[in-house]
């Protein structure tokens, strides 16, 4: 990346200024996910940014779980997050932390705030808290418990910890300003009662700190220099700074910087909505290839380098926006283009009988795995026989003027082979086309009756090809900007299985995880699962964006 490109990133500008002014001697960032779901492509942007900036400035990036809500957290999520970050290519070395590591220190800091008159225990029920909070145009109202003495609040806080009160009966609040134009500063909650076992601390705690309180202190304890958050935390920054200031935390204190989160078209980034998709069986689990989770993208066949490339290309902005899905698709294509072999596959086979080709005769045709550079990946042989399969979409009974492939009385050129001329269409009892009759010419040039040069189509020998199941994954939602109304917005064709697909015999020894380009169809990956005795391949991405055209026509 050039220096000019780096200057476009406002976060780098902040860091450069801080280093020039010697506010910090080094750069320390952190990636702090909540272990309440699987990471998605939006988190990947944050992972790449935090680890990337630390590496660029010769600093370090910590891995820290914000595990302050035991009700929603699970070890499954912890393990999946660690796996995803490693898969993306980043290493936190020995710096794996949990907010729960600091629960004792956080509690001591809370007592300090109480004794200094900066926090108090409040008895208001949740509905009254909302009522007293006010609105953007109406000032809040002081809690009747706001003027409790520090000694009384401290006693109540310790009794909260001891389990004397029920959930929702009392909570600890910061004493700031109920008339503040920033609602986050209107005496926010610092601790609440939750009588739930924690996945790391067990039953030790019956009260748990709130995120805003935990976030800043965890950063300060670890010596984080730049706390990089998504834009929704911009209004929380005054509270971040307030907590550290009132605790008289030693300098240098962390600087919070916000950037726009990733909103990707045709999908959702809400963990709550993703969990709903999983629990209501709209998808087959957190790793269903239609989801935006990293586990799902990995099972679909995306590479870590393609996701890093995507994050690099979309950059870092200060204003929220929607990113077109084609940005991700293009990054995947660009990443795979120079790496994978080209082969032929027929997903929806239509049989063609070449009547002038002798029964039982086979001809091996040499075909390079990488046509643009034949010597790069070598050659394989494709077998021409009397009966072949072509893609059903490559034939039309009544072609329009824009269709240049096979039709009655027309020719098409076989990839790596000669020309076939269709002269008869065979249908079954229902009237569906089941077979074409054709003749083959091995000449090198030709024109169709309409004067157009015949299109090149892919094909496979009916005898010498491999039966397979191919899963065609597509956009999960019909709308570019889904609102979360699942029943109305889910795409019914987000998964189509081609169970009669045929592949080149060269793929018989393909290993799970190996990727290929199926010519004219897209990039595909073999997965370890089998459909009976047949291998299964997932479509990673198509070769072109058909959804852009569809969106224009809606």
Protein backbone atom coordinates (compact mmCIF):
# COMPACT_ATOMS: atom_id res chain seq x y z
CA UNK A 1 0.00 0.00 0.00
CA UNK A 2 1.41 3.42 -0.98
CA UNK A 3 1.91 6.29 1.46
CA UNK A 4 -0.81 8.25 -0.34
CA UNK A 5 -3.29 5.44 0.27
CA UNK A 6 -2.35 5.27 3.91
CA UNK A 7 -3.09 8.97 4.33
CA UNK A 8 -6.69 8.31 3.30
CA UNK A 9 -7.17 6.26 6.47
CA UNK A 10 -8.11 8.69 9.23
CA UNK A 11 -7.20 6.14 11.92
CA UNK A 12 -3.61 6.06 10.69
CA UNK A 13 -3.58 9.85 10.83
CA UNK A 14 -4.59 9.76 14.50
CA UNK A 15 -1.93 7.19 15.29
CA UNK A 16 0.76 9.10 13.40
CA UNK A 17 -0.04 12.29 15.32
CA UNK A 18 -0.07 10.45 18.66
CA UNK A 19 3.33 8.92 17.95
CA UNK A 20 4.78 12.22 16.73
CA UNK A 21 3.57 13.96 19.88
CA UNK A 22 4.91 11.05 21.95
CA UNK A 23 1.55 10.46 23.59
CA UNK A 24 2.36 6.76 23.26
CA UNK A 25 5.68 5.01 22.86
CA UNK A 26 4.20 2.14 20.89
CA UNK A 27 0.94 0.98 19.29
CA UNK A 28 -1.19 -1.53 21.18
CA UNK A 29 -4.60 -2.52 19.81
CA UNK A 30 -7.06 -5.26 20.71
CA UNK A 31 -9.86 -7.29 19.18
CA UNK A 32 -12.59 -7.69 21.84
CA UNK A 33 -15.49 -9.89 20.64
CA UNK A 34 -18.38 -11.00 22.83
CA UNK A 35 -18.53 -14.82 22.97
CA UNK A 36 -22.27 -14.84 22.22
CA UNK A 37 -22.18 -15.91 18.58
CA UNK A 38 -19.95 -16.71 15.64
CA UNK A 39 -17.79 -14.08 13.96
CA UNK A 40 -19.08 -12.74 10.65
CA UNK A 41 -17.57 -10.81 7.74
CA UNK A 42 -18.13 -7.54 9.62
CA UNK A 43 -15.93 -8.77 12.44
CA UNK A 44 -13.32 -9.72 9.86
CA UNK A 45 -12.99 -6.04 8.98
CA UNK A 46 -12.26 -5.25 12.64
CA UNK A 47 -9.86 -8.20 12.98
CA UNK A 48 -7.90 -7.13 9.89
CA UNK A 49 -7.87 -3.51 11.02
CA UNK A 50 -6.72 -4.10 14.59
CA UNK A 51 -4.13 -6.78 13.87
CA UNK A 52 -3.07 -5.04 10.66
CA UNK A 53 -2.43 -1.66 12.29
CA UNK A 54 -0.47 -3.24 15.12
CA UNK A 55 1.75 -5.09 12.63
CA UNK A 56 2.21 -2.01 10.45
CA UNK A 57 3.47 0.09 13.37
CA UNK A 58 5.55 -2.67 14.92
CA UNK A 59 3.16 -2.96 17.84
CA UNK A 60 0.96 -5.69 19.27
CA UNK A 61 -2.70 -6.68 19.15
CA UNK A 62 -4.35 -8.46 22.05
CA UNK A 63 -7.14 -11.00 21.73
CA UNK A 64 -9.67 -10.30 24.46
CA UNK A 65 -13.13 -11.70 25.06
CA UNK A 66 -15.74 -9.35 26.47
CA UNK A 67 -17.34 -12.05 28.60
CA UNK A 68 -19.48 -9.91 30.92
CA UNK A 69 -22.90 -11.47 30.18
CA UNK A 70 -22.92 -15.14 31.27
CA UNK A 71 -26.52 -15.62 30.11
CA UNK A 72 -25.61 -15.33 26.41
CA UNK A 73 -22.07 -16.70 26.37
CA UNK A 74 -20.86 -20.17 25.52
CA UNK A 75 -17.54 -21.99 25.19
CA UNK A 76 -18.61 -23.05 21.69
CA UNK A 77 -18.48 -19.40 20.66
CA UNK A 78 -15.10 -18.86 22.33
CA UNK A 79 -13.58 -21.77 20.43
CA UNK A 80 -15.14 -20.76 17.13
CA UNK A 81 -13.87 -17.16 17.46
CA UNK A 82 -10.33 -18.26 18.22
CA UNK A 83 -10.43 -20.65 15.28
CA UNK A 84 -11.73 -17.93 12.93
CA UNK A 85 -9.09 -15.36 13.88
CA UNK A 86 -6.33 -17.93 13.38
CA UNK A 87 -7.87 -18.98 10.06
CA UNK A 88 -7.80 -15.36 8.90
CA UNK A 89 -4.06 -15.47 9.45
CA UNK A 90 -3.56 -13.52 12.68
CA UNK A 91 -1.69 -14.48 15.83
CA UNK A 92 -2.13 -12.97 19.30
CA UNK A 93 0.82 -15.07 20.56
CA UNK A 94 0.55 -15.28 24.36
CA UNK A 95 -1.84 -12.33 24.68
CA UNK A 96 -5.19 -14.07 25.07
CA UNK A 97 -7.27 -12.28 27.69
CA UNK A 98 -10.81 -12.22 29.04
CA UNK A 99 -12.67 -9.35 30.65
CA UNK A 100 -13.43 -11.86 33.40
CA UNK A 101 -9.68 -11.86 34.16
CA UNK A 102 -10.24 -8.36 35.55
CA UNK A 103 -13.45 -8.86 37.55
CA UNK A 104 -11.67 -8.33 40.88
CA UNK A 105 -10.03 -5.12 39.65
CA UNK A 106 -13.26 -3.89 38.12
CA UNK A 107 -15.05 -4.44 41.39
CA UNK A 108 -12.37 -2.54 43.34
CA UNK A 109 -12.66 0.35 40.88
CA UNK A 110 -16.44 0.38 41.36
CA UNK A 111 -16.01 0.66 45.13
CA UNK A 112 -13.58 3.52 44.55
CA UNK A 113 -16.16 5.36 42.43
CA UNK A 114 -18.78 4.85 45.13
CA UNK A 115 -16.54 6.18 47.90
CA UNK A 116 -15.61 9.24 45.85
CA UNK A 117 -19.29 10.02 45.26
CA UNK A 118 -19.16 9.18 41.55
CA UNK A 119 -21.50 6.16 41.71
CA UNK A 120 -24.55 5.07 43.69
CA UNK A 121 -26.86 2.09 44.08
CA UNK A 122 -30.28 2.69 42.55
CA UNK A 123 -33.51 0.83 43.35
CA UNK A 124 -35.60 2.04 40.41
CA UNK A 125 -37.33 -0.73 38.42
CA UNK A 126 -36.53 -0.93 34.68
CA UNK A 127 -39.71 0.87 33.55
CA UNK A 128 -38.99 3.80 35.85
CA UNK A 129 -35.38 3.93 34.72
CA UNK A 130 -36.58 4.37 31.14
CA UNK A 131 -39.15 6.97 32.20
CA UNK A 132 -36.66 8.98 34.27
CA UNK A 133 -34.01 8.85 31.57
CA UNK A 134 -35.83 11.33 29.35
CA UNK A 135 -35.46 11.72 25.60
CA UNK A 136 -33.31 13.62 23.13
CA UNK A 137 -35.59 16.63 23.60
CA UNK A 138 -36.49 16.14 27.26
CA UNK A 139 -34.11 16.20 30.19
CA UNK A 140 -33.89 13.24 32.50
CA UNK A 141 -35.06 13.16 36.11
CA UNK A 142 -32.76 12.41 39.01
CA UNK A 143 -33.32 9.07 40.69
CA UNK A 144 -34.70 9.43 44.23
CA UNK A 145 -31.71 7.28 45.30
CA UNK A 146 -29.13 9.54 43.66
CA UNK A 147 -28.16 11.27 46.89
CA UNK A 148 -27.55 8.14 48.89
CA UNK A 149 -24.43 8.49 50.96
CA UNK A 150 -21.30 6.70 49.70
CA UNK A 151 -21.38 4.53 52.84
CA UNK A 152 -24.96 3.39 52.21
CA UNK A 153 -24.32 2.69 48.51
CA UNK A 154 -21.14 0.80 49.35
CA UNK A 155 -23.01 -1.36 51.87
CA UNK A 156 -25.76 -2.09 49.34
CA UNK A 157 -23.24 -2.81 46.60
CA UNK A 158 -21.46 -5.36 48.80
CA UNK A 159 -24.78 -6.95 49.66
CA UNK A 160 -25.61 -7.11 45.94
CA UNK A 161 -22.40 -9.06 45.49
CA UNK A 162 -23.33 -11.34 48.38
CA UNK A 163 -26.61 -12.25 46.70
CA UNK A 164 -29.05 -10.58 49.10
CA UNK A 165 -31.13 -9.01 46.31
CA UNK A 166 -32.91 -10.36 43.26
CA UNK A 167 -32.14 -9.52 39.65
CA UNK A 168 -33.48 -6.09 38.71
CA UNK A 169 -33.97 -5.10 42.33
CA UNK A 170 -30.90 -2.89 42.48
CA UNK A 171 -28.06 -1.79 40.21
CA UNK A 172 -25.01 0.45 40.40
CA UNK A 173 -25.11 3.70 38.42
CA UNK A 174 -22.54 6.34 37.60
CA UNK A 175 -23.44 9.79 38.94
CA UNK A 176 -22.88 12.08 35.97
CA UNK A 177 -25.62 14.38 34.60
CA UNK A 178 -29.29 13.54 34.02
CA UNK A 179 -29.59 16.70 31.87
CA UNK A 180 -26.75 15.76 29.52
CA UNK A 181 -27.60 16.01 25.80
CA UNK A 182 -25.81 12.66 25.46
CA UNK A 183 -28.20 10.02 26.80
CA UNK A 184 -25.27 7.71 27.53
CA UNK A 185 -24.11 10.16 30.20
CA UNK A 186 -27.42 10.22 32.08
CA UNK A 187 -26.28 8.14 35.04
CA UNK A 188 -25.60 4.92 33.10
CA UNK A 189 -25.55 1.51 34.74
CA UNK A 190 -22.15 0.16 35.78
CA UNK A 191 -23.15 -3.14 37.44
CA UNK A 192 -26.26 -5.30 37.45
CA UNK A 193 -27.34 -8.39 39.35
CA UNK A 194 -27.22 -11.63 37.32
CA UNK A 195 -27.52 -14.86 39.22
CA UNK A 196 -26.00 -16.99 36.51
CA UNK A 197 -22.90 -19.15 36.38
CA UNK A 198 -20.06 -17.81 34.26
CA UNK A 199 -18.22 -20.11 31.86
CA UNK A 200 -14.88 -19.15 33.45
CA UNK A 201 -15.58 -17.86 36.97
CA UNK A 202 -18.38 -20.27 37.83
CA UNK A 203 -20.61 -19.10 40.71
CA UNK A 204 -18.11 -16.66 42.19
CA UNK A 205 -19.97 -13.57 40.97
CA UNK A 206 -23.64 -12.65 41.26
CA UNK A 207 -23.10 -9.16 39.86
CA UNK A 208 -21.54 -8.41 36.48
CA UNK A 209 -20.10 -5.17 35.02
CA UNK A 210 -21.68 -3.46 32.03
CA UNK A 211 -19.82 -3.32 28.73
CA UNK A 212 -19.08 0.43 28.69
CA UNK A 213 -17.55 0.24 32.14
CA UNK A 214 -15.61 -2.95 31.39
CA UNK A 215 -14.37 -1.85 27.98
CA UNK A 216 -12.37 1.19 29.01
CA UNK A 217 -10.88 -0.42 32.12
CA UNK A 218 -9.87 -3.59 30.27
CA UNK A 219 -8.13 -1.44 27.65
CA UNK A 220 -6.37 0.58 30.35
CA UNK A 221 -5.28 -2.49 32.33
CA UNK A 222 -3.74 -4.03 29.20
CA UNK A 223 -2.00 -0.82 28.16
CA UNK A 224 -3.95 -0.47 24.92
CA UNK A 225 -3.02 2.73 23.13
CA UNK A 226 -5.76 2.86 20.48
CA UNK A 227 -9.15 1.34 21.19
CA UNK A 228 -10.68 1.01 17.74
CA UNK A 229 -14.47 0.56 17.83
CA UNK A 230 -17.36 0.66 15.40
CA UNK A 231 -19.29 3.87 14.93
CA UNK A 232 -22.16 3.10 17.29
CA UNK A 233 -19.71 3.60 20.18
CA UNK A 234 -18.95 7.20 19.24
CA UNK A 235 -21.61 8.50 21.64
CA UNK A 236 -20.20 6.19 24.33
CA UNK A 237 -16.72 7.71 24.11
CA UNK A 238 -17.43 10.44 26.73
CA UNK A 239 -18.34 7.70 29.23
CA UNK A 240 -15.19 5.75 28.27
CA UNK A 241 -13.09 8.80 29.10
CA UNK A 242 -15.18 9.73 32.19
CA UNK A 243 -14.58 6.41 33.94
CA UNK A 244 -10.81 6.61 33.51
CA UNK A 245 -10.74 10.26 34.53
CA UNK A 246 -12.79 9.76 37.71
CA UNK A 247 -10.58 6.83 38.69
CA UNK A 248 -7.54 9.05 38.06
CA UNK A 249 -6.09 6.38 35.84
CA UNK A 250 -2.41 7.10 35.09
CA UNK A 251 -1.44 8.45 31.70
CA UNK A 252 -1.19 7.54 28.91
CA UNK A 253 -4.80 6.48 28.77
CA UNK A 254 -6.24 4.67 25.75
CA UNK A 255 -7.71 6.71 22.91
CA UNK A 256 -11.00 5.44 21.50
CA UNK A 257 -11.39 5.86 17.72
CA UNK A 258 -14.54 4.89 15.84
CA UNK A 259 -14.96 3.65 12.28
CA UNK A 260 -17.98 2.64 10.20
CA UNK A 261 -19.08 -0.95 10.61
CA UNK A 262 -19.51 -3.17 7.58
CA UNK A 263 -23.01 -3.44 6.13
CA UNK A 264 -22.98 -5.96 3.29
CA UNK A 265 -25.88 -6.17 0.84
CA UNK A 266 -28.15 -9.24 0.72
CA UNK A 267 -27.26 -10.31 4.25
CA UNK A 268 -27.57 -9.33 7.90
CA UNK A 269 -24.86 -8.63 10.46
CA UNK A 270 -27.04 -8.76 13.55
CA UNK A 271 -26.00 -11.63 15.83
CA UNK A 272 -29.57 -11.76 17.11
CA UNK A 273 -30.94 -12.22 13.59
CA UNK A 274 -28.24 -14.74 12.70
CA UNK A 275 -29.11 -16.74 15.80
CA UNK A 276 -32.76 -16.59 14.77
CA UNK A 277 -31.89 -17.97 11.33
CA UNK A 278 -30.03 -20.85 12.95
CA UNK A 279 -32.55 -21.67 15.68
CA UNK A 280 -35.56 -21.52 13.36
CA UNK A 281 -33.80 -23.82 10.86
CA UNK A 282 -33.83 -21.36 7.99
CA UNK A 283 -30.20 -22.47 7.56
CA UNK A 284 -28.29 -25.61 8.56
CA UNK A 285 -26.21 -24.09 11.34
CA UNK A 286 -23.72 -21.30 11.99
CA UNK A 287 -21.49 -22.67 9.22
CA UNK A 288 -24.21 -22.84 6.55
CA UNK A 289 -22.51 -21.43 3.41
CA UNK A 290 -25.32 -18.91 2.89
CA UNK A 291 -24.54 -17.05 6.12
CA UNK A 292 -21.98 -14.23 6.44
CA UNK A 293 -20.21 -15.94 9.36
CA UNK A 294 -16.55 -16.75 8.82
CA UNK A 295 -17.27 -20.40 9.56
CA UNK A 296 -19.89 -20.33 6.80
CA UNK A 297 -17.64 -18.55 4.31
CA UNK A 298 -14.90 -21.07 5.05
CA UNK A 299 -17.25 -24.02 4.48
CA UNK A 300 -18.42 -22.40 1.26
CA UNK A 301 -14.85 -22.29 0.00
CA UNK A 302 -13.64 -18.72 0.47
CA UNK A 303 -9.97 -18.34 1.33
CA UNK A 304 -8.58 -16.19 4.17
CA UNK A 305 -6.62 -14.17 1.62
CA UNK A 306 -9.80 -13.33 -0.31
CA UNK A 307 -11.44 -11.94 2.84
CA UNK A 308 -8.33 -9.94 3.73
CA UNK A 309 -8.26 -8.60 0.17
CA UNK A 310 -11.93 -7.61 0.45
CA UNK A 311 -11.34 -5.80 3.75
CA UNK A 312 -8.36 -3.97 2.29
CA UNK A 313 -10.33 -2.83 -0.77
CA UNK A 314 -13.36 -1.50 1.07
CA UNK A 315 -11.10 0.52 3.35
CA UNK A 316 -12.00 2.36 6.53
CA UNK A 317 -14.64 5.09 6.61
CA UNK A 318 -16.19 7.35 9.21
CA UNK A 319 -19.72 7.16 7.80
CA UNK A 320 -21.94 4.08 7.68
CA UNK A 321 -22.74 2.77 4.21
CA UNK A 322 -23.76 -0.41 2.41
CA UNK A 323 -21.14 -2.37 0.48
CA UNK A 324 -22.28 -4.18 -2.66
CA UNK A 325 -21.91 -7.95 -2.44
CA UNK A 326 -20.03 -7.89 -5.73
CA UNK A 327 -17.06 -6.32 -3.90
CA UNK A 328 -16.72 -9.57 -1.96
CA UNK A 329 -17.41 -11.73 -5.01
CA UNK A 330 -14.77 -9.88 -7.02
CA UNK A 331 -12.17 -10.23 -4.27
CA UNK A 332 -12.84 -13.98 -4.20
CA UNK A 333 -12.53 -14.27 -7.99
CA UNK A 334 -9.35 -12.20 -8.08
CA UNK A 335 -7.84 -14.29 -5.30
CA UNK A 336 -8.69 -17.65 -6.88
CA UNK A 337 -8.13 -16.72 -10.52
CA UNK A 338 -4.40 -17.40 -10.65
CA UNK A 339 -4.45 -20.29 -8.18
CA UNK A 340 -6.90 -22.90 -9.41
CA UNK A 341 -7.19 -25.29 -12.33
CA UNK A 342 -9.86 -24.89 -15.01
CA UNK A 343 -11.95 -27.97 -15.66
CA UNK A 344 -15.32 -28.76 -17.24
CA UNK A 345 -18.50 -29.72 -15.43
CA UNK A 346 -22.10 -30.07 -16.58
CA UNK A 347 -24.56 -29.26 -13.82
CA UNK A 348 -27.88 -29.85 -15.59
CA UNK A 349 -27.06 -32.49 -18.23
CA UNK A 350 -28.78 -32.78 -21.59
CA UNK A 351 -27.69 -35.80 -23.63
CA UNK A 352 -26.44 -35.29 -27.19
CA UNK A 353 -25.95 -38.27 -29.51
CA UNK A 354 -23.35 -37.60 -32.20
CA UNK A 355 -24.72 -39.77 -34.96
CA UNK A 356 -21.70 -39.62 -37.24
CA UNK A 357 -19.36 -40.76 -34.45
CA UNK A 358 -18.81 -44.54 -34.36
CA UNK A 359 -20.17 -46.58 -31.45
CA UNK A 360 -17.45 -47.37 -28.90
CA UNK A 361 -14.91 -44.96 -30.38
CA UNK A 362 -13.13 -42.66 -27.94
CA UNK A 363 -10.78 -39.80 -28.69
CA UNK A 364 -8.59 -38.17 -26.03
CA UNK A 365 -8.41 -34.41 -26.50
CA UNK A 366 -5.58 -32.53 -24.72
CA UNK A 367 -6.81 -29.61 -22.64
CA UNK A 368 -4.66 -27.27 -20.50
CA UNK A 369 -5.66 -26.71 -16.89
CA UNK A 370 -4.82 -23.01 -17.27
CA UNK A 371 -5.60 -21.93 -20.86
CA UNK A 372 -3.93 -18.51 -20.64
CA UNK A 373 -0.63 -20.12 -19.59
CA UNK A 374 -0.79 -23.77 -20.69
CA UNK A 375 2.56 -24.66 -19.14
CA UNK A 376 1.63 -23.25 -15.73
CA UNK A 377 -0.46 -26.19 -14.52
CA UNK A 378 -0.05 -28.78 -17.25
CA UNK A 379 -2.64 -30.69 -19.28
CA UNK A 380 -5.28 -33.33 -18.83
CA UNK A 381 -7.26 -35.29 -21.41
CA UNK A 382 -11.00 -35.06 -22.03
CA UNK A 383 -12.69 -37.95 -23.77
CA UNK A 384 -14.89 -37.46 -26.85
CA UNK A 385 -17.44 -40.25 -27.31
CA UNK A 386 -20.64 -40.81 -29.30
CA UNK A 387 -22.81 -39.68 -26.38
CA UNK A 388 -21.97 -36.48 -24.56
CA UNK A 389 -23.65 -34.18 -22.07
CA UNK A 390 -24.06 -30.44 -22.55
CA UNK A 391 -25.61 -27.89 -20.21
CA UNK A 392 -29.39 -27.78 -20.69
CA UNK A 393 -29.22 -23.96 -20.73
CA UNK A 394 -26.93 -24.14 -23.76
CA UNK A 395 -29.82 -25.32 -25.94
CA UNK A 396 -33.02 -23.54 -26.93
CA UNK A 397 -35.82 -24.89 -29.04
CA UNK A 398 -36.80 -21.39 -30.16
CA UNK A 399 -33.78 -19.10 -29.78
CA UNK A 400 -34.09 -15.32 -29.81
CA UNK A 401 -31.69 -13.04 -31.65
CA UNK A 402 -29.38 -12.75 -28.64
CA UNK A 403 -28.92 -16.50 -28.20
CA UNK A 404 -25.83 -17.83 -29.99
CA UNK A 405 -25.54 -21.34 -28.58
CA UNK A 406 -27.07 -24.60 -29.77
CA UNK A 407 -30.53 -24.73 -31.37
CA UNK A 408 -32.27 -26.76 -34.11
CA UNK A 409 -30.38 -26.18 -37.36
CA UNK A 410 -27.56 -24.39 -35.55
CA UNK A 411 -24.02 -25.22 -34.53
CA UNK A 412 -22.03 -24.77 -31.35
CA UNK A 413 -18.37 -25.40 -30.82
CA UNK A 414 -17.31 -27.91 -28.19
CA UNK A 415 -14.60 -26.65 -25.86
CA UNK A 416 -11.32 -28.27 -27.03
CA UNK A 417 -13.27 -30.12 -29.73
CA UNK A 418 -15.05 -29.60 -33.06
CA UNK A 419 -18.50 -28.28 -34.05
CA UNK A 420 -21.78 -30.07 -33.39
CA UNK A 421 -24.81 -29.40 -35.57
CA UNK A 422 -28.22 -30.12 -34.05
CA UNK A 423 -30.69 -31.68 -36.51
CA UNK A 424 -33.21 -33.47 -34.25
CA UNK A 425 -34.84 -32.93 -30.85
CA UNK A 426 -36.18 -35.92 -28.89
CA UNK A 427 -38.83 -35.39 -26.20
CA UNK A 428 -40.32 -37.70 -23.58
CA UNK A 429 -44.01 -38.42 -22.90
CA UNK A 430 -44.40 -35.17 -20.96
CA UNK A 431 -42.94 -33.14 -23.82
CA UNK A 432 -39.68 -32.37 -22.05
CA UNK A 433 -36.55 -32.40 -24.17
CA UNK A 434 -34.54 -35.47 -23.18
CA UNK A 435 -32.04 -35.87 -26.03
CA UNK A 436 -30.55 -34.10 -29.02
CA UNK A 437 -29.31 -35.70 -32.24
CA UNK A 438 -26.35 -34.04 -33.87
CA UNK A 439 -23.41 -34.45 -36.20
CA UNK A 440 -19.83 -33.48 -35.51
CA UNK A 441 -17.43 -31.58 -37.75
CA UNK A 442 -13.82 -31.26 -36.72
CA UNK A 443 -13.16 -28.21 -38.87
CA UNK A 444 -11.73 -25.10 -37.20
CA UNK A 445 -14.22 -22.38 -38.33
CA UNK A 446 -17.89 -21.94 -39.06
CA UNK A 447 -20.98 -19.70 -39.03
CA UNK A 448 -24.57 -20.31 -37.98
CA UNK A 449 -27.50 -19.58 -40.32
CA UNK A 450 -27.89 -16.18 -38.66
CA UNK A 451 -24.37 -15.25 -39.71
CA UNK A 452 -23.04 -15.33 -36.15
CA UNK A 453 -19.98 -17.29 -35.14
CA UNK A 454 -21.03 -20.33 -33.04
CA UNK A 455 -20.59 -20.03 -29.30
CA UNK A 456 -18.18 -22.28 -27.44
CA UNK A 457 -19.92 -24.55 -24.91
CA UNK A 458 -18.59 -26.96 -22.31
CA UNK A 459 -19.44 -30.65 -22.40
CA UNK A 460 -18.47 -34.06 -21.06
CA UNK A 461 -18.48 -37.62 -22.28
CA UNK A 462 -21.55 -39.48 -20.98
CA UNK A 463 -19.39 -42.57 -20.53
CA UNK A 464 -16.21 -41.02 -19.18
CA UNK A 465 -17.43 -38.51 -16.61
CA UNK A 466 -17.90 -38.47 -12.87
CA UNK A 467 -21.39 -38.30 -11.25
CA UNK A 468 -21.52 -35.66 -8.52
CA UNK A 469 -23.79 -33.43 -6.47
CA UNK A 470 -23.15 -29.73 -6.83
CA UNK A 471 -24.59 -27.20 -4.40
CA UNK A 472 -25.27 -23.78 -5.84
CA UNK A 473 -25.28 -21.26 -3.01
CA UNK A 474 -26.57 -17.78 -3.65
CA UNK A 475 -27.76 -14.65 -1.86
CA UNK A 476 -29.65 -15.49 1.33
CA UNK A 477 -32.00 -12.52 0.98
CA UNK A 478 -33.94 -11.16 -1.99
CA UNK A 479 -33.50 -7.50 -1.02
CA UNK A 480 -30.14 -5.71 -1.08
CA UNK A 481 -30.92 -4.15 2.30
CA UNK A 482 -32.96 -6.68 4.26
CA UNK A 483 -34.84 -5.49 7.32
CA UNK A 484 -34.97 -8.87 9.03
CA UNK A 485 -38.51 -9.95 8.13
CA UNK A 486 -37.34 -13.46 7.39
CA UNK A 487 -40.47 -15.01 5.95
CA UNK A 488 -40.86 -12.20 3.41
CA UNK A 489 -37.25 -11.53 2.48
CA UNK A 490 -35.48 -14.90 2.40
CA UNK A 491 -34.47 -16.09 -1.06
CA UNK A 492 -36.14 -19.48 -1.72
CA UNK A 493 -33.41 -20.29 -4.26
CA UNK A 494 -30.46 -19.51 -1.98
CA UNK A 495 -29.52 -23.19 -2.26
CA UNK A 496 -30.10 -25.31 -5.34
CA UNK A 497 -28.70 -28.83 -5.49
CA UNK A 498 -27.74 -30.34 -8.83
CA UNK A 499 -27.78 -34.04 -7.96
CA UNK A 500 -27.30 -35.22 -11.56
CA UNK A 501 -24.20 -33.15 -12.25
CA UNK A 502 -21.26 -34.63 -14.13
CA UNK A 503 -17.60 -33.73 -13.71
CA UNK A 504 -14.38 -34.44 -15.53
CA UNK A 505 -12.67 -37.67 -14.55
CA UNK A 506 -9.63 -35.55 -13.61
CA UNK A 507 -11.59 -34.59 -10.46
CA UNK A 508 -11.93 -38.17 -9.25
CA UNK A 509 -8.87 -37.78 -7.02
CA UNK A 510 -9.68 -34.23 -5.85
CA UNK A 511 -9.20 -33.78 -2.11
CA UNK A 512 -11.66 -32.08 0.28
CA UNK A 513 -10.89 -28.38 0.35
CA UNK A 514 -9.42 -28.37 -3.16
CA UNK A 515 -10.78 -25.60 -5.38
CA UNK A 516 -11.37 -25.46 -9.14
CA UNK A 517 -12.89 -23.22 -11.73
CA UNK A 518 -15.69 -24.98 -13.59
CA UNK A 519 -15.43 -23.26 -16.96
CA UNK A 520 -18.25 -20.79 -17.62
CA UNK A 521 -19.89 -21.68 -14.29
CA UNK A 522 -17.79 -20.36 -11.43
CA UNK A 523 -15.39 -21.42 -8.71
CA UNK A 524 -16.14 -24.56 -6.72
CA UNK A 525 -14.68 -26.48 -3.78
CA UNK A 526 -14.86 -30.16 -2.98
CA UNK A 527 -16.17 -30.85 0.51
CA UNK A 528 -15.64 -33.94 2.63
CA UNK A 529 -19.32 -34.85 2.76
CA UNK A 530 -20.62 -37.41 0.23
CA UNK A 531 -24.00 -37.88 -1.40
CA UNK A 532 -24.09 -41.67 -1.40
CA UNK A 533 -21.04 -42.62 -3.45
CA UNK A 534 -20.90 -39.26 -5.20
CA UNK A 535 -18.59 -36.39 -4.23
CA UNK A 536 -20.11 -33.01 -3.35
CA UNK A 537 -18.86 -29.66 -4.57
CA UNK A 538 -19.91 -26.23 -3.28
CA UNK A 539 -20.09 -23.22 -5.54
CA UNK A 540 -17.90 -20.55 -4.00
CA UNK A 541 -18.79 -17.77 -6.40
CA UNK A 542 -20.07 -17.43 -9.95
CA UNK A 543 -17.92 -16.03 -12.75
CA UNK A 544 -20.05 -12.92 -13.14
CA UNK A 545 -22.52 -10.89 -11.15
CA UNK A 546 -25.99 -11.76 -12.36
CA UNK A 547 -27.56 -10.15 -9.30
CA UNK A 548 -26.54 -6.65 -10.34
CA UNK A 549 -28.68 -6.98 -13.47
CA UNK A 550 -31.56 -8.48 -11.49
CA UNK A 551 -31.49 -5.61 -9.00
CA UNK A 552 -31.81 -3.06 -11.80
CA UNK A 553 -34.92 -4.80 -13.10
CA UNK A 554 -36.69 -4.87 -9.76
